[in-house]
Amino acid sequence: MINLVTLAQPASAAAEAYRTLRTNVLFSALDAPLKTVLVASPDDALDAATTLANLAVMLAQSQRKVLAVDANLRDPMLHTLFELANNAGLAEVLTQTTLAAAQAAIRPTGVAGLSVLPGGPASTSAADLLSSSQMDAVLAQLAGMCDMVLVCAPPLRGYSDAAVLAAKVDGTLLAMRSGKTRRDDAERAKEMLTRAHARLLGAVLLDA
């Protein structure tokens, strides 16, 4: 699987960092319920997708049933990381809002306990779909199907999608890359999440 260090190099320092991230996320749930978690980046969709995919693997390896949802409807990426088909996904589910539609679009992975709901073909109405009441209903349905739902978003820079989603989930992680993410982009992303009344769980620094 592409970019998934937790599977390719499970004994590496990077994989251990994701184990620490898993622990921190699970400890965050002690203060308040944490069933749905958004992973977003200030500037790079791949950073968010890679962080989410590796965290999902670690959570599944701790005997939890995990669903990774690609809500980057503009440029879906999770299916490539898990080498899955993307002919149907969240965009289609949001137009039907039925549990059967969601279940039909979910794909199993090679990791026990981990499934993926791809984004589906790129959508031109991503913001409308994600801000709709249908998205609330779908999130509630998906949360009832597993132990934790991880949701991937487009970058905060240039789009409102991630801020909209942050207001709908139990917590948000901000994925940034050392030496690449600009300080002003990171600060602006935090401001957007604060305005959305998001519960910011913390930041993940890649390549630190």
N, C-alpha and C. Protein backbone atom coordinates (compact mmCIF):
# COMPACT_ATOMS: atom_id res chain seq x y z
N MET A 1 0.84 -1.19 0.00
CA MET A 1 0.00 0.00 0.00
C MET A 1 0.88 1.25 0.00
N ILE A 2 0.56 2.22 -0.81
CA ILE A 2 1.37 3.40 -1.00
C ILE A 2 1.38 4.27 0.25
N ASN A 3 2.58 4.74 0.64
CA ASN A 3 2.74 5.74 1.71
C ASN A 3 2.34 5.27 3.12
N LEU A 4 1.97 4.03 3.27
CA LEU A 4 1.53 3.59 4.60
C LEU A 4 2.70 2.96 5.36
N VAL A 5 3.44 3.81 6.05
CA VAL A 5 4.62 3.36 6.77
C VAL A 5 4.24 2.41 7.90
N THR A 6 3.03 2.54 8.42
CA THR A 6 2.60 1.67 9.52
C THR A 6 2.49 0.21 9.08
N LEU A 7 2.33 -0.02 7.79
CA LEU A 7 2.28 -1.39 7.27
C LEU A 7 3.61 -1.82 6.68
N ALA A 8 4.27 -0.93 5.94
CA ALA A 8 5.51 -1.27 5.26
C ALA A 8 6.69 -1.34 6.22
N GLN A 9 6.69 -0.49 7.26
CA GLN A 9 7.80 -0.44 8.20
C GLN A 9 7.26 -0.32 9.64
N PRO A 10 6.59 -1.36 10.12
CA PRO A 10 5.92 -1.28 11.43
C PRO A 10 6.86 -1.05 12.61
N ALA A 11 8.16 -1.34 12.44
CA ALA A 11 9.10 -1.16 13.54
C ALA A 11 9.84 0.18 13.45
N SER A 12 9.49 1.01 12.49
CA SER A 12 10.20 2.27 12.27
C SER A 12 9.80 3.33 13.28
N ALA A 13 10.60 4.39 13.34
CA ALA A 13 10.30 5.51 14.23
C ALA A 13 9.01 6.20 13.81
N ALA A 14 8.77 6.26 12.50
CA ALA A 14 7.55 6.89 12.00
C ALA A 14 6.31 6.10 12.44
N ALA A 15 6.38 4.78 12.36
CA ALA A 15 5.26 3.94 12.79
C ALA A 15 5.03 4.10 14.29
N GLU A 16 6.11 4.20 15.05
CA GLU A 16 5.97 4.39 16.49
C GLU A 16 5.32 5.74 16.79
N ALA A 17 5.62 6.74 15.98
CA ALA A 17 4.99 8.05 16.17
C ALA A 17 3.48 7.95 15.96
N TYR A 18 3.06 7.13 15.01
CA TYR A 18 1.62 6.94 14.80
C TYR A 18 0.99 6.15 15.97
N ARG A 19 1.75 5.26 16.59
CA ARG A 19 1.23 4.58 17.79
C ARG A 19 1.01 5.60 18.91
N THR A 20 1.93 6.53 19.02
CA THR A 20 1.78 7.58 20.03
C THR A 20 0.57 8.45 19.72
N LEU A 21 0.39 8.76 18.42
CA LEU A 21 -0.78 9.55 18.01
C LEU A 21 -2.06 8.80 18.35
N ARG A 22 -2.09 7.50 18.11
CA ARG A 22 -3.26 6.69 18.46
C ARG A 22 -3.56 6.80 19.95
N THR A 23 -2.53 6.67 20.76
CA THR A 23 -2.71 6.77 22.21
C THR A 23 -3.27 8.12 22.60
N ASN A 24 -2.72 9.18 22.02
CA ASN A 24 -3.18 10.53 22.35
C ASN A 24 -4.63 10.74 21.94
N VAL A 25 -5.00 10.22 20.78
CA VAL A 25 -6.38 10.36 20.33
C VAL A 25 -7.32 9.60 21.26
N LEU A 26 -6.94 8.40 21.65
CA LEU A 26 -7.79 7.62 22.54
C LEU A 26 -7.90 8.25 23.92
N PHE A 27 -6.83 8.85 24.40
CA PHE A 27 -6.90 9.56 25.69
C PHE A 27 -7.79 10.78 25.60
N SER A 28 -7.87 11.39 24.42
CA SER A 28 -8.74 12.55 24.24
C SER A 28 -10.19 12.17 24.45
N ALA A 29 -10.51 10.91 24.20
CA ALA A 29 -11.89 10.44 24.33
C ALA A 29 -12.31 10.25 25.79
N LEU A 30 -11.36 10.35 26.72
CA LEU A 30 -11.70 10.16 28.13
C LEU A 30 -12.49 11.35 28.67
N ASP A 31 -12.23 12.53 28.12
CA ASP A 31 -12.89 13.74 28.60
C ASP A 31 -14.26 13.94 27.95
N ALA A 32 -14.40 13.53 26.70
CA ALA A 32 -15.66 13.68 25.97
C ALA A 32 -15.70 12.62 24.88
N PRO A 33 -16.90 12.17 24.50
CA PRO A 33 -17.01 11.14 23.46
C PRO A 33 -16.28 11.53 22.18
N LEU A 34 -15.61 10.56 21.58
CA LEU A 34 -14.83 10.82 20.37
C LEU A 34 -15.09 9.69 19.39
N LYS A 35 -16.18 9.80 18.65
CA LYS A 35 -16.58 8.75 17.70
C LYS A 35 -16.22 9.13 16.28
N THR A 36 -16.25 10.43 15.97
CA THR A 36 -15.93 10.91 14.62
C THR A 36 -14.80 11.92 14.69
N VAL A 37 -13.74 11.69 13.91
CA VAL A 37 -12.56 12.56 13.95
C VAL A 37 -12.22 13.00 12.52
N LEU A 38 -12.04 14.30 12.35
CA LEU A 38 -11.65 14.87 11.07
C LEU A 38 -10.14 15.06 11.04
N VAL A 39 -9.52 14.74 9.90
CA VAL A 39 -8.10 15.03 9.69
C VAL A 39 -8.01 15.98 8.50
N ALA A 40 -7.43 17.16 8.73
CA ALA A 40 -7.32 18.17 7.69
C ALA A 40 -5.91 18.75 7.71
N SER A 41 -5.55 19.39 6.61
CA SER A 41 -4.24 20.03 6.51
C SER A 41 -4.44 21.49 6.11
N PRO A 42 -3.54 22.37 6.55
CA PRO A 42 -3.67 23.76 6.10
C PRO A 42 -3.53 23.91 4.60
N ASP A 43 -2.66 23.05 3.99
CA ASP A 43 -2.28 23.34 2.61
C ASP A 43 -2.12 22.13 1.68
N ASP A 44 -2.18 20.91 2.19
CA ASP A 44 -1.86 19.75 1.34
C ASP A 44 -2.80 18.58 1.65
N ALA A 45 -3.62 18.22 0.70
CA ALA A 45 -4.59 17.15 0.89
C ALA A 45 -3.91 15.80 1.13
N LEU A 46 -2.76 15.59 0.50
CA LEU A 46 -2.07 14.31 0.68
C LEU A 46 -1.56 14.14 2.09
N ASP A 47 -1.13 15.22 2.73
CA ASP A 47 -0.69 15.14 4.13
C ASP A 47 -1.83 14.65 5.02
N ALA A 48 -3.01 15.19 4.80
CA ALA A 48 -4.18 14.78 5.59
C ALA A 48 -4.53 13.33 5.32
N ALA A 49 -4.54 12.94 4.05
CA ALA A 49 -4.91 11.58 3.69
C ALA A 49 -3.91 10.56 4.24
N THR A 50 -2.61 10.88 4.14
CA THR A 50 -1.58 9.97 4.63
C THR A 50 -1.65 9.82 6.14
N THR A 51 -1.85 10.94 6.85
CA THR A 51 -1.97 10.90 8.30
C THR A 51 -3.17 10.07 8.71
N LEU A 52 -4.31 10.32 8.06
CA LEU A 52 -5.53 9.58 8.39
C LEU A 52 -5.35 8.08 8.13
N ALA A 53 -4.78 7.72 6.99
CA ALA A 53 -4.65 6.31 6.63
C ALA A 53 -3.77 5.56 7.64
N ASN A 54 -2.66 6.17 8.03
CA ASN A 54 -1.77 5.51 8.98
C ASN A 54 -2.39 5.43 10.37
N LEU A 55 -3.09 6.49 10.78
CA LEU A 55 -3.78 6.45 12.07
C LEU A 55 -4.87 5.39 12.06
N ALA A 56 -5.58 5.28 10.95
CA ALA A 56 -6.64 4.28 10.83
C ALA A 56 -6.08 2.86 10.98
N VAL A 57 -4.93 2.62 10.37
CA VAL A 57 -4.29 1.30 10.50
C VAL A 57 -3.97 1.01 11.96
N MET A 58 -3.39 1.99 12.64
CA MET A 58 -3.02 1.79 14.04
C MET A 58 -4.24 1.55 14.93
N LEU A 59 -5.31 2.28 14.70
CA LEU A 59 -6.53 2.08 15.49
C LEU A 59 -7.11 0.70 15.23
N ALA A 60 -7.10 0.26 13.97
CA ALA A 60 -7.63 -1.06 13.65
C ALA A 60 -6.78 -2.16 14.27
N GLN A 61 -5.47 -1.93 14.34
CA GLN A 61 -4.58 -2.93 14.93
C GLN A 61 -4.74 -3.03 16.44
N SER A 62 -5.47 -2.08 17.03
CA SER A 62 -5.76 -2.16 18.47
C SER A 62 -7.14 -2.76 18.70
N GLN A 63 -7.58 -3.58 17.75
CA GLN A 63 -8.83 -4.35 17.86
C GLN A 63 -10.07 -3.46 17.84
N ARG A 64 -10.02 -2.36 17.10
CA ARG A 64 -11.18 -1.50 16.93
C ARG A 64 -11.68 -1.60 15.49
N LYS A 65 -12.99 -1.42 15.35
CA LYS A 65 -13.59 -1.39 14.03
C LYS A 65 -13.57 0.05 13.55
N VAL A 66 -12.83 0.31 12.48
CA VAL A 66 -12.55 1.66 12.03
C VAL A 66 -13.04 1.85 10.60
N LEU A 67 -13.63 3.02 10.34
CA LEU A 67 -14.05 3.38 8.99
C LEU A 67 -13.36 4.68 8.60
N ALA A 68 -12.62 4.64 7.50
CA ALA A 68 -11.98 5.84 6.96
C ALA A 68 -12.86 6.38 5.84
N VAL A 69 -13.25 7.64 5.95
CA VAL A 69 -14.18 8.25 5.00
C VAL A 69 -13.47 9.37 4.25
N ASP A 70 -13.50 9.31 2.93
CA ASP A 70 -12.88 10.35 2.12
C ASP A 70 -13.92 11.42 1.81
N ALA A 71 -13.85 12.54 2.56
CA ALA A 71 -14.75 13.65 2.32
C ALA A 71 -14.07 14.75 1.49
N ASN A 72 -12.94 14.43 0.91
CA ASN A 72 -12.32 15.34 -0.05
C ASN A 72 -12.96 15.05 -1.40
N LEU A 73 -14.15 15.57 -1.58
CA LEU A 73 -14.92 15.27 -2.79
C LEU A 73 -14.38 15.98 -4.02
N ARG A 74 -13.49 16.95 -3.81
CA ARG A 74 -12.90 17.67 -4.94
C ARG A 74 -11.76 16.88 -5.57
N ASP A 75 -10.99 16.18 -4.72
CA ASP A 75 -9.83 15.43 -5.21
C ASP A 75 -9.60 14.23 -4.30
N PRO A 76 -10.46 13.22 -4.38
CA PRO A 76 -10.38 12.06 -3.48
C PRO A 76 -9.02 11.36 -3.57
N MET A 77 -8.50 10.92 -2.42
CA MET A 77 -7.17 10.31 -2.40
C MET A 77 -7.09 9.00 -1.63
N LEU A 78 -7.99 8.78 -0.67
CA LEU A 78 -7.86 7.59 0.17
C LEU A 78 -7.87 6.30 -0.63
N HIS A 79 -8.66 6.26 -1.70
CA HIS A 79 -8.73 5.02 -2.48
C HIS A 79 -7.37 4.66 -3.09
N THR A 80 -6.56 5.67 -3.43
CA THR A 80 -5.24 5.38 -4.00
C THR A 80 -4.31 4.83 -2.92
N LEU A 81 -4.40 5.35 -1.70
CA LEU A 81 -3.54 4.87 -0.62
C LEU A 81 -3.84 3.43 -0.27
N PHE A 82 -5.11 3.04 -0.38
CA PHE A 82 -5.51 1.67 -0.05
C PHE A 82 -5.73 0.80 -1.29
N GLU A 83 -5.44 1.37 -2.46
CA GLU A 83 -5.54 0.64 -3.74
C GLU A 83 -6.94 0.06 -3.93
N LEU A 84 -7.94 0.94 -3.85
CA LEU A 84 -9.34 0.55 -3.97
C LEU A 84 -10.00 1.25 -5.15
N ALA A 85 -11.10 0.70 -5.61
CA ALA A 85 -11.88 1.35 -6.67
C ALA A 85 -12.55 2.60 -6.13
N ASN A 86 -12.78 3.58 -7.01
CA ASN A 86 -13.41 4.83 -6.60
C ASN A 86 -14.59 5.17 -7.50
N ASN A 87 -15.24 4.15 -8.03
CA ASN A 87 -16.35 4.38 -8.94
C ASN A 87 -17.60 4.90 -8.23
N ALA A 88 -17.67 4.66 -6.93
CA ALA A 88 -18.80 5.15 -6.13
C ALA A 88 -18.29 5.44 -4.73
N GLY A 89 -18.93 6.40 -4.05
CA GLY A 89 -18.46 6.74 -2.71
C GLY A 89 -19.37 7.70 -1.99
N LEU A 90 -18.76 8.56 -1.17
CA LEU A 90 -19.52 9.45 -0.30
C LEU A 90 -20.46 10.38 -1.08
N ALA A 91 -20.02 10.88 -2.20
CA ALA A 91 -20.87 11.80 -2.98
C ALA A 91 -22.20 11.16 -3.34
N GLU A 92 -22.14 9.90 -3.76
CA GLU A 92 -23.37 9.19 -4.11
C GLU A 92 -24.22 8.90 -2.87
N VAL A 93 -23.55 8.54 -1.77
CA VAL A 93 -24.27 8.25 -0.54
C VAL A 93 -25.04 9.48 -0.07
N LEU A 94 -24.43 10.66 -0.21
CA LEU A 94 -25.08 11.89 0.25
C LEU A 94 -26.33 12.24 -0.54
N THR A 95 -26.43 11.74 -1.75
CA THR A 95 -27.64 12.00 -2.53
C THR A 95 -28.76 11.01 -2.20
N GLN A 96 -28.41 9.91 -1.52
CA GLN A 96 -29.42 8.90 -1.19
C GLN A 96 -29.74 8.85 0.31
N THR A 97 -28.72 9.13 1.14
CA THR A 97 -28.87 9.20 2.59
C THR A 97 -29.55 7.96 3.18
N THR A 98 -29.16 6.80 2.72
CA THR A 98 -29.70 5.58 3.29
C THR A 98 -28.56 4.72 3.80
N LEU A 99 -28.82 3.95 4.83
CA LEU A 99 -27.80 3.07 5.39
C LEU A 99 -27.38 2.04 4.36
N ALA A 100 -28.31 1.58 3.54
CA ALA A 100 -27.99 0.59 2.52
C ALA A 100 -27.01 1.17 1.50
N ALA A 101 -27.20 2.44 1.14
CA ALA A 101 -26.30 3.08 0.18
C ALA A 101 -24.91 3.19 0.75
N ALA A 102 -24.82 3.55 2.03
CA ALA A 102 -23.52 3.67 2.69
C ALA A 102 -22.82 2.32 2.75
N GLN A 103 -23.56 1.30 3.14
CA GLN A 103 -22.97 -0.03 3.27
C GLN A 103 -22.48 -0.56 1.93
N ALA A 104 -23.22 -0.24 0.86
CA ALA A 104 -22.84 -0.73 -0.47
C ALA A 104 -21.57 -0.07 -0.98
N ALA A 105 -21.30 1.17 -0.55
CA ALA A 105 -20.15 1.91 -1.04
C ALA A 105 -18.88 1.64 -0.24
N ILE A 106 -19.01 1.07 0.94
CA ILE A 106 -17.85 0.83 1.81
C ILE A 106 -17.02 -0.34 1.27
N ARG A 107 -15.70 -0.14 1.27
CA ARG A 107 -14.78 -1.15 0.75
C ARG A 107 -13.92 -1.72 1.87
N PRO A 108 -13.73 -3.03 1.92
CA PRO A 108 -12.80 -3.61 2.90
C PRO A 108 -11.36 -3.35 2.46
N THR A 109 -10.44 -3.36 3.42
CA THR A 109 -9.02 -3.22 3.10
C THR A 109 -8.31 -4.51 3.48
N GLY A 110 -7.01 -4.52 3.29
CA GLY A 110 -6.24 -5.69 3.70
C GLY A 110 -5.94 -5.70 5.19
N VAL A 111 -6.44 -4.71 5.92
CA VAL A 111 -6.20 -4.61 7.36
C VAL A 111 -7.47 -5.02 8.09
N ALA A 112 -7.36 -6.00 8.97
CA ALA A 112 -8.53 -6.47 9.72
C ALA A 112 -9.13 -5.33 10.53
N GLY A 113 -10.46 -5.18 10.39
CA GLY A 113 -11.17 -4.16 11.15
C GLY A 113 -11.21 -2.80 10.50
N LEU A 114 -10.53 -2.62 9.37
CA LEU A 114 -10.47 -1.31 8.72
C LEU A 114 -11.16 -1.34 7.36
N SER A 115 -12.13 -0.44 7.19
CA SER A 115 -12.83 -0.29 5.92
C SER A 115 -12.73 1.16 5.46
N VAL A 116 -13.01 1.38 4.17
CA VAL A 116 -12.90 2.72 3.58
C VAL A 116 -14.17 3.05 2.81
N LEU A 117 -14.67 4.24 3.02
CA LEU A 117 -15.73 4.79 2.18
C LEU A 117 -15.06 5.82 1.28
N PRO A 118 -14.81 5.48 0.01
CA PRO A 118 -14.13 6.41 -0.89
C PRO A 118 -14.96 7.67 -1.13
N GLY A 119 -14.33 8.65 -1.75
CA GLY A 119 -15.05 9.87 -2.06
C GLY A 119 -15.96 9.73 -3.27
N GLY A 120 -15.59 8.82 -4.18
CA GLY A 120 -16.31 8.72 -5.44
C GLY A 120 -15.72 9.71 -6.44
N PRO A 121 -16.22 9.70 -7.68
CA PRO A 121 -15.73 10.64 -8.68
C PRO A 121 -15.81 12.09 -8.19
N ALA A 122 -14.82 12.90 -8.54
CA ALA A 122 -14.75 14.29 -8.08
C ALA A 122 -16.06 15.02 -8.34
N SER A 123 -16.48 15.80 -7.35
CA SER A 123 -17.77 16.49 -7.42
C SER A 123 -17.56 18.00 -7.55
N THR A 124 -18.42 18.65 -8.32
CA THR A 124 -18.37 20.11 -8.47
C THR A 124 -19.26 20.80 -7.43
N SER A 125 -19.98 20.02 -6.65
CA SER A 125 -20.86 20.60 -5.62
C SER A 125 -20.47 20.12 -4.23
N ALA A 126 -19.14 19.99 -4.01
CA ALA A 126 -18.63 19.44 -2.76
C ALA A 126 -19.11 20.23 -1.55
N ALA A 127 -18.99 21.56 -1.59
CA ALA A 127 -19.35 22.38 -0.44
C ALA A 127 -20.82 22.22 -0.07
N ASP A 128 -21.68 22.18 -1.07
CA ASP A 128 -23.11 22.03 -0.82
C ASP A 128 -23.42 20.67 -0.20
N LEU A 129 -22.78 19.62 -0.71
CA LEU A 129 -23.03 18.28 -0.19
C LEU A 129 -22.56 18.14 1.26
N LEU A 130 -21.38 18.66 1.55
CA LEU A 130 -20.80 18.48 2.87
C LEU A 130 -21.48 19.33 3.93
N SER A 131 -22.05 20.45 3.54
CA SER A 131 -22.73 21.31 4.51
C SER A 131 -24.20 20.95 4.71
N SER A 132 -24.66 19.96 3.98
CA SER A 132 -26.08 19.60 4.01
C SER A 132 -26.46 18.80 5.24
N SER A 133 -27.76 18.75 5.50
CA SER A 133 -28.26 17.92 6.60
C SER A 133 -28.05 16.44 6.29
N GLN A 134 -27.95 16.10 5.00
CA GLN A 134 -27.67 14.71 4.63
C GLN A 134 -26.33 14.26 5.19
N MET A 135 -25.34 15.17 5.21
CA MET A 135 -24.03 14.80 5.74
C MET A 135 -24.13 14.49 7.22
N ASP A 136 -24.93 15.24 7.95
CA ASP A 136 -25.14 14.94 9.37
C ASP A 136 -25.75 13.55 9.54
N ALA A 137 -26.73 13.24 8.71
CA ALA A 137 -27.41 11.95 8.81
C ALA A 137 -26.46 10.80 8.47
N VAL A 138 -25.65 11.00 7.43
CA VAL A 138 -24.71 9.95 7.02
C VAL A 138 -23.66 9.73 8.11
N LEU A 139 -23.13 10.81 8.67
CA LEU A 139 -22.14 10.67 9.75
C LEU A 139 -22.71 9.89 10.92
N ALA A 140 -23.95 10.20 11.29
CA ALA A 140 -24.59 9.50 12.39
C ALA A 140 -24.75 8.01 12.08
N GLN A 141 -25.14 7.71 10.84
CA GLN A 141 -25.30 6.31 10.43
C GLN A 141 -23.97 5.57 10.47
N LEU A 142 -22.93 6.20 9.94
CA LEU A 142 -21.62 5.56 9.90
C LEU A 142 -21.06 5.36 11.31
N ALA A 143 -21.27 6.33 12.17
CA ALA A 143 -20.78 6.21 13.55
C ALA A 143 -21.43 5.04 14.28
N GLY A 144 -22.64 4.71 13.88
CA GLY A 144 -23.34 3.59 14.49
C GLY A 144 -22.86 2.24 14.00
N MET A 145 -22.03 2.24 12.96
CA MET A 145 -21.58 1.00 12.34
C MET A 145 -20.20 0.55 12.84
N CYS A 146 -19.48 1.42 13.56
CA CYS A 146 -18.11 1.08 13.92
C CYS A 146 -17.70 1.77 15.22
N ASP A 147 -16.46 1.53 15.64
CA ASP A 147 -15.95 2.14 16.87
C ASP A 147 -15.50 3.58 16.63
N MET A 148 -14.92 3.83 15.46
CA MET A 148 -14.45 5.18 15.16
C MET A 148 -14.50 5.46 13.67
N VAL A 149 -14.93 6.67 13.34
CA VAL A 149 -14.97 7.13 11.95
C VAL A 149 -13.93 8.23 11.79
N LEU A 150 -12.99 8.04 10.87
CA LEU A 150 -11.99 9.06 10.54
C LEU A 150 -12.36 9.68 9.20
N VAL A 151 -12.43 10.99 9.17
CA VAL A 151 -12.90 11.71 7.97
C VAL A 151 -11.77 12.56 7.41
N CYS A 152 -11.51 12.41 6.12
CA CYS A 152 -10.45 13.16 5.44
C CYS A 152 -11.07 14.35 4.72
N ALA A 153 -10.40 15.52 4.80
CA ALA A 153 -10.96 16.74 4.22
C ALA A 153 -9.97 17.37 3.24
N PRO A 154 -10.47 18.25 2.36
CA PRO A 154 -9.58 19.04 1.51
C PRO A 154 -8.78 20.02 2.36
N PRO A 155 -7.75 20.65 1.81
CA PRO A 155 -6.98 21.64 2.57
C PRO A 155 -7.85 22.80 3.03
N LEU A 156 -7.51 23.36 4.18
CA LEU A 156 -8.24 24.52 4.69
C LEU A 156 -7.95 25.76 3.84
N ARG A 157 -6.77 25.82 3.27
CA ARG A 157 -6.44 26.96 2.41
C ARG A 157 -7.19 26.85 1.08
N GLY A 158 -8.08 27.77 0.84
CA GLY A 158 -8.78 27.82 -0.43
C GLY A 158 -10.16 27.23 -0.41
N TYR A 159 -10.50 26.43 0.62
CA TYR A 159 -11.81 25.79 0.66
C TYR A 159 -12.43 25.90 2.06
N SER A 160 -13.74 25.93 2.11
CA SER A 160 -14.45 25.97 3.40
C SER A 160 -14.85 24.57 3.86
N ASP A 161 -14.63 23.56 3.03
CA ASP A 161 -15.12 22.21 3.32
C ASP A 161 -14.67 21.68 4.69
N ALA A 162 -13.37 21.83 4.99
CA ALA A 162 -12.84 21.26 6.23
C ALA A 162 -13.45 21.95 7.45
N ALA A 163 -13.61 23.26 7.39
CA ALA A 163 -14.22 23.98 8.51
C ALA A 163 -15.67 23.55 8.71
N VAL A 164 -16.38 23.35 7.61
CA VAL A 164 -17.77 22.89 7.68
C VAL A 164 -17.83 21.51 8.35
N LEU A 165 -16.93 20.62 7.94
CA LEU A 165 -16.91 19.28 8.51
C LEU A 165 -16.48 19.29 9.97
N ALA A 166 -15.55 20.18 10.31
CA ALA A 166 -15.05 20.25 11.69
C ALA A 166 -16.17 20.54 12.68
N ALA A 167 -17.16 21.27 12.22
CA ALA A 167 -18.30 21.60 13.08
C ALA A 167 -19.25 20.41 13.27
N LYS A 168 -19.07 19.37 12.46
CA LYS A 168 -19.98 18.22 12.49
C LYS A 168 -19.41 17.02 13.22
N VAL A 169 -18.10 17.02 13.50
CA VAL A 169 -17.45 15.84 14.09
C VAL A 169 -17.10 16.11 15.55
N ASP A 170 -16.64 15.05 16.23
CA ASP A 170 -16.32 15.15 17.65
C ASP A 170 -14.95 15.77 17.91
N GLY A 171 -14.06 15.71 16.94
CA GLY A 171 -12.72 16.26 17.12
C GLY A 171 -11.99 16.39 15.80
N THR A 172 -10.97 17.26 15.77
CA THR A 172 -10.22 17.52 14.54
C THR A 172 -8.73 17.48 14.80
N LEU A 173 -8.00 16.81 13.91
CA LEU A 173 -6.55 16.80 13.90
C LEU A 173 -6.05 17.62 12.72
N LEU A 174 -5.02 18.41 12.94
CA LEU A 174 -4.44 19.24 11.89
C LEU A 174 -3.10 18.63 11.48
N ALA A 175 -2.98 18.22 10.21
CA ALA A 175 -1.75 17.59 9.71
C ALA A 175 -0.90 18.61 8.97
N MET A 176 0.34 18.76 9.40
CA MET A 176 1.26 19.72 8.78
C MET A 176 2.57 19.04 8.47
N ARG A 177 3.34 19.60 7.53
CA ARG A 177 4.62 19.00 7.14
C ARG A 177 5.76 19.95 7.47
N SER A 178 6.75 19.42 8.21
CA SER A 178 7.91 20.22 8.60
C SER A 178 8.66 20.73 7.38
N GLY A 179 8.99 22.02 7.39
CA GLY A 179 9.74 22.61 6.29
C GLY A 179 8.92 22.94 5.07
N LYS A 180 7.61 22.64 5.11
CA LYS A 180 6.76 22.91 3.95
C LYS A 180 5.56 23.77 4.30
N THR A 181 4.83 23.39 5.35
CA THR A 181 3.65 24.16 5.74
C THR A 181 4.08 25.52 6.26
N ARG A 182 3.54 26.57 5.68
CA ARG A 182 3.89 27.93 6.08
C ARG A 182 3.21 28.28 7.41
N ARG A 183 3.91 29.05 8.23
CA ARG A 183 3.37 29.42 9.53
C ARG A 183 2.05 30.17 9.39
N ASP A 184 1.96 31.09 8.41
CA ASP A 184 0.72 31.85 8.27
C ASP A 184 -0.43 30.97 7.82
N ASP A 185 -0.14 29.94 7.00
CA ASP A 185 -1.19 29.00 6.60
C ASP A 185 -1.67 28.20 7.81
N ALA A 186 -0.74 27.78 8.67
CA ALA A 186 -1.11 27.02 9.87
C ALA A 186 -1.95 27.88 10.81
N GLU A 187 -1.56 29.13 10.99
CA GLU A 187 -2.31 30.02 11.87
C GLU A 187 -3.69 30.31 11.32
N ARG A 188 -3.76 30.49 10.00
CA ARG A 188 -5.06 30.75 9.36
C ARG A 188 -5.97 29.53 9.49
N ALA A 189 -5.39 28.34 9.33
CA ALA A 189 -6.17 27.11 9.47
C ALA A 189 -6.73 26.98 10.88
N LYS A 190 -5.91 27.28 11.88
CA LYS A 190 -6.37 27.22 13.27
C LYS A 190 -7.49 28.22 13.51
N GLU A 191 -7.36 29.41 12.94
CA GLU A 191 -8.40 30.43 13.09
C GLU A 191 -9.72 29.97 12.48
N MET A 192 -9.64 29.34 11.30
CA MET A 192 -10.85 28.85 10.63
C MET A 192 -11.54 27.79 11.49
N LEU A 193 -10.75 26.90 12.08
CA LEU A 193 -11.33 25.85 12.92
C LEU A 193 -11.93 26.43 14.20
N THR A 194 -11.27 27.43 14.74
CA THR A 194 -11.79 28.08 15.94
C THR A 194 -13.13 28.76 15.65
N ARG A 195 -13.22 29.43 14.51
CA ARG A 195 -14.48 30.09 14.13
C ARG A 195 -15.59 29.08 13.91
N ALA A 196 -15.21 27.87 13.50
CA ALA A 196 -16.20 26.81 13.27
C ALA A 196 -16.57 26.10 14.57
N HIS A 197 -15.99 26.56 15.69
CA HIS A 197 -16.23 25.94 17.01
C HIS A 197 -15.81 24.48 17.02
N ALA A 198 -14.72 24.20 16.30
CA ALA A 198 -14.20 22.84 16.24
C ALA A 198 -13.48 22.48 17.53
N ARG A 199 -13.52 21.21 17.87
CA ARG A 199 -12.73 20.70 19.00
C ARG A 199 -11.39 20.24 18.43
N LEU A 200 -10.37 21.07 18.57
CA LEU A 200 -9.06 20.77 18.00
C LEU A 200 -8.30 19.85 18.94
N LEU A 201 -8.05 18.63 18.49
CA LEU A 201 -7.38 17.63 19.32
C LEU A 201 -5.88 17.85 19.36
N GLY A 202 -5.33 18.48 18.31
CA GLY A 202 -3.89 18.71 18.25
C GLY A 202 -3.42 18.74 16.82
N ALA A 203 -2.10 18.84 16.67
CA ALA A 203 -1.49 18.91 15.35
C ALA A 203 -0.53 17.74 15.17
N VAL A 204 -0.44 17.24 13.95
CA VAL A 204 0.49 16.18 13.60
C VAL A 204 1.55 16.77 12.68
N LEU A 205 2.82 16.68 13.06
CA LEU A 205 3.90 17.25 12.26
C LEU A 205 4.61 16.13 11.52
N LEU A 206 4.48 16.11 10.22
CA LEU A 206 5.10 15.09 9.39
C LEU A 206 6.53 15.49 9.05
N ASP A 207 7.39 14.50 8.88
CA ASP A 207 8.81 14.72 8.54
C ASP A 207 9.54 15.55 9.58
N ALA A 208 9.12 15.46 10.84
CA ALA A 208 9.78 16.24 11.89
C ALA A 208 11.15 15.66 12.22
